[in-house]
Amino acid sequence: MHVGDRSRTSAQALWDSLPESYRERAVCHTDFWEAYKQVLPSQRHHAVGKDSGKTNGIERWNCTLRQRVARLVRKTLSFSKKFENHLGALWLFIHHYNASLHA
């Protein structure tokens, strides 16, 4: 996981955060954002349009994340001013979500 903007630096940080085995075998379907093209190896990266259906998984994930981690949507009662608390909430959600997939 990496939290950041859609810059080349953030794309590189996300790629670097993946385990080596993922970087060796994974195939990433992304939109046509230039930062992804610059960072992701061409044999691992496929830029596709929304009409291809290849981005459905990440779109579903983003929607689930926004629904279940309210602090990401807008300032509500669950909003925290500390960036570290946002990261903690994201990590908790991701670990819980992944654990429930394998239960």
C-alpha atoms as a PDB file:
ATOM      1  CA  MET A   1       0.000   0.000   0.000  1.00  0.00           C
ATOM      2  CA  HIS A   2       1.075   3.552  -0.643  1.00  0.00           C
ATOM      3  CA  VAL A   3      -0.915   6.679   0.135  1.00  0.00           C
ATOM      4  CA  GLY A   4      -0.165   9.601  -2.136  1.00  0.00           C
ATOM      5  CA  ASP A   5      -1.080  11.480  -5.254  1.00  0.00           C
ATOM      6  CA  ARG A   6      -0.908  10.134  -8.801  1.00  0.00           C
ATOM      7  CA  SER A   7       2.643  11.342  -9.401  1.00  0.00           C
ATOM      8  CA  ARG A   8       5.534   9.301 -10.748  1.00  0.00           C
ATOM      9  CA  THR A   9       7.051   9.305  -7.243  1.00  0.00           C
ATOM     10  CA  SER A  10       3.904   7.783  -5.743  1.00  0.00           C
ATOM     11  CA  ALA A  11       3.633   5.220  -8.536  1.00  0.00           C
ATOM     12  CA  GLN A  12       7.241   4.205  -7.874  1.00  0.00           C
ATOM     13  CA  ALA A  13       6.607   3.970  -4.121  1.00  0.00           C
ATOM     14  CA  LEU A  14       3.578   1.731  -4.751  1.00  0.00           C
ATOM     15  CA  TRP A  15       5.528  -0.532  -7.115  1.00  0.00           C
ATOM     16  CA  ASP A  16       8.417  -0.737  -4.625  1.00  0.00           C
ATOM     17  CA  SER A  17       6.017  -1.664  -1.806  1.00  0.00           C
ATOM     18  CA  LEU A  18       4.897  -4.829  -3.618  1.00  0.00           C
ATOM     19  CA  PRO A  19       6.548  -8.122  -2.672  1.00  0.00           C
ATOM     20  CA  GLU A  20       9.162  -9.287  -5.167  1.00  0.00           C
ATOM     21  CA  SER A  21       7.053 -12.288  -6.190  1.00  0.00           C
ATOM     22  CA  TYR A  22       4.205  -9.945  -7.200  1.00  0.00           C
ATOM     23  CA  ARG A  23       6.540  -7.730  -9.203  1.00  0.00           C
ATOM     24  CA  GLU A  24       7.809 -10.788 -11.068  1.00  0.00           C
ATOM     25  CA  ARG A  25       4.380 -12.189 -12.026  1.00  0.00           C
ATOM     26  CA  ALA A  26       1.645  -9.597 -11.563  1.00  0.00           C
ATOM     27  CA  VAL A  27      -0.112  -7.904 -14.446  1.00  0.00           C
ATOM     28  CA  CYS A  28      -1.392  -4.401 -13.733  1.00  0.00           C
ATOM     29  CA  HIS A  29      -4.344  -3.020 -15.660  1.00  0.00           C
ATOM     30  CA  THR A  30      -4.427   0.749 -15.295  1.00  0.00           C
ATOM     31  CA  ASP A  31      -5.849   3.754 -17.047  1.00  0.00           C
ATOM     32  CA  PHE A  32      -3.611   5.699 -19.404  1.00  0.00           C
ATOM     33  CA  TRP A  33      -1.995   7.842 -16.698  1.00  0.00           C
ATOM     34  CA  GLU A  34       1.577   8.674 -17.749  1.00  0.00           C
ATOM     35  CA  ALA A  35       3.149   7.967 -14.335  1.00  0.00           C
ATOM     36  CA  TYR A  36       2.169   4.285 -14.564  1.00  0.00           C
ATOM     37  CA  LYS A  37       3.732   3.980 -18.001  1.00  0.00           C
ATOM     38  CA  GLN A  38       6.956   5.506 -16.681  1.00  0.00           C
ATOM     39  CA  VAL A  39       7.224   3.254 -13.623  1.00  0.00           C
ATOM     40  CA  LEU A  40       5.635  -0.108 -14.344  1.00  0.00           C
ATOM     41  CA  PRO A  41       7.653  -2.525 -16.494  1.00  0.00           C
ATOM     42  CA  SER A  42       6.027  -2.924 -19.907  1.00  0.00           C
ATOM     43  CA  GLN A  43       5.655  -6.713 -19.519  1.00  0.00           C
ATOM     44  CA  ARG A  44       3.688  -6.151 -16.271  1.00  0.00           C
ATOM     45  CA  HIS A  45       1.593  -3.160 -17.377  1.00  0.00           C
ATOM     46  CA  HIS A  46      -1.446  -2.971 -19.639  1.00  0.00           C
ATOM     47  CA  ALA A  47      -3.106   0.427 -20.067  1.00  0.00           C
ATOM     48  CA  VAL A  48      -6.796  -0.133 -20.770  1.00  0.00           C
ATOM     49  CA  GLY A  49      -9.971   1.926 -21.033  1.00  0.00           C
ATOM     50  CA  LYS A  50     -12.936   1.560 -18.696  1.00  0.00           C
ATOM     51  CA  ASP A  51     -14.924  -0.116 -21.464  1.00  0.00           C
ATOM     52  CA  SER A  52     -12.479  -3.066 -21.420  1.00  0.00           C
ATOM     53  CA  GLY A  53     -13.807  -4.294 -18.058  1.00  0.00           C
ATOM     54  CA  LYS A  54     -10.240  -4.856 -16.837  1.00  0.00           C
ATOM     55  CA  THR A  55     -10.440  -2.069 -14.236  1.00  0.00           C
ATOM     56  CA  ASN A  56     -13.649  -3.362 -12.609  1.00  0.00           C
ATOM     57  CA  GLY A  57     -11.752  -5.015  -9.753  1.00  0.00           C
ATOM     58  CA  ILE A  58     -10.001  -1.862  -8.617  1.00  0.00           C
ATOM     59  CA  GLU A  59     -13.128   0.253  -9.128  1.00  0.00           C
ATOM     60  CA  ARG A  60     -15.044  -2.187  -6.891  1.00  0.00           C
ATOM     61  CA  TRP A  61     -12.233  -2.050  -4.326  1.00  0.00           C
ATOM     62  CA  ASN A  62     -12.247   1.775  -4.309  1.00  0.00           C
ATOM     63  CA  CYS A  63     -16.014   1.834  -3.781  1.00  0.00           C
ATOM     64  CA  THR A  64     -15.805  -0.706  -0.927  1.00  0.00           C
ATOM     65  CA  LEU A  65     -12.996   1.275   0.672  1.00  0.00           C
ATOM     66  CA  ARG A  66     -14.984   4.522   0.540  1.00  0.00           C
ATOM     67  CA  GLN A  67     -18.064   2.806   1.982  1.00  0.00           C
ATOM     68  CA  ARG A  68     -16.292   1.074   4.860  1.00  0.00           C
ATOM     69  CA  VAL A  69     -13.674   3.669   5.813  1.00  0.00           C
ATOM     70  CA  ALA A  70     -15.837   6.757   6.282  1.00  0.00           C
ATOM     71  CA  ARG A  71     -12.915   9.023   7.112  1.00  0.00           C
ATOM     72  CA  LEU A  72     -11.888   8.847   3.434  1.00  0.00           C
ATOM     73  CA  VAL A  73     -15.139  10.315   2.139  1.00  0.00           C
ATOM     74  CA  ARG A  74     -15.407  13.686   3.876  1.00  0.00           C
ATOM     75  CA  LYS A  75     -15.073  15.306   7.258  1.00  0.00           C
ATOM     76  CA  THR A  76     -17.539  13.433   9.417  1.00  0.00           C
ATOM     77  CA  LEU A  77     -17.625  12.364  13.043  1.00  0.00           C
ATOM     78  CA  SER A  78     -15.058   9.707  12.132  1.00  0.00           C
ATOM     79  CA  PHE A  79     -12.654  12.229  10.601  1.00  0.00           C
ATOM     80  CA  SER A  80      -9.181  12.468  12.113  1.00  0.00           C
ATOM     81  CA  LYS A  81      -6.790  15.377  11.703  1.00  0.00           C
ATOM     82  CA  LYS A  82      -3.723  13.149  12.006  1.00  0.00           C
ATOM     83  CA  PHE A  83      -2.428  11.562   8.816  1.00  0.00           C
ATOM     84  CA  GLU A  84      -1.033   8.647  10.843  1.00  0.00           C
ATOM     85  CA  ASN A  85      -4.548   7.815  12.052  1.00  0.00           C
ATOM     86  CA  HIS A  86      -5.757   7.674   8.450  1.00  0.00           C
ATOM     87  CA  LEU A  87      -2.927   5.287   7.593  1.00  0.00           C
ATOM     88  CA  GLY A  88      -3.758   3.155  10.612  1.00  0.00           C
ATOM     89  CA  ALA A  89      -7.411   2.956   9.600  1.00  0.00           C
ATOM     90  CA  LEU A  90      -6.414   1.961   6.059  1.00  0.00           C
ATOM     91  CA  TRP A  91      -4.046  -0.761   7.260  1.00  0.00           C
ATOM     92  CA  LEU A  92      -6.661  -2.133   9.675  1.00  0.00           C
ATOM     93  CA  PHE A  93      -9.275  -2.251   6.939  1.00  0.00           C
ATOM     94  CA  ILE A  94      -6.937  -3.860   4.398  1.00  0.00           C
ATOM     95  CA  HIS A  95      -5.787  -6.555   6.826  1.00  0.00           C
ATOM     96  CA  HIS A  96      -9.346  -7.290   7.960  1.00  0.00           C
ATOM     97  CA  TYR A  97     -10.624  -7.346   4.373  1.00  0.00           C
ATOM     98  CA  ASN A  98      -7.854  -9.682   3.201  1.00  0.00           C
ATOM     99  CA  ALA A  99      -8.297 -11.975   6.225  1.00  0.00           C
ATOM    100  CA  SER A 100     -12.032 -12.262   5.540  1.00  0.00           C
ATOM    101  CA  LEU A 101     -11.317 -13.356   1.945  1.00  0.00           C
ATOM    102  CA  HIS A 102      -9.252 -16.291   3.164  1.00  0.00           C
ATOM    103  CA  ALA A 103     -11.439 -17.335   6.110  1.00  0.00           C
END
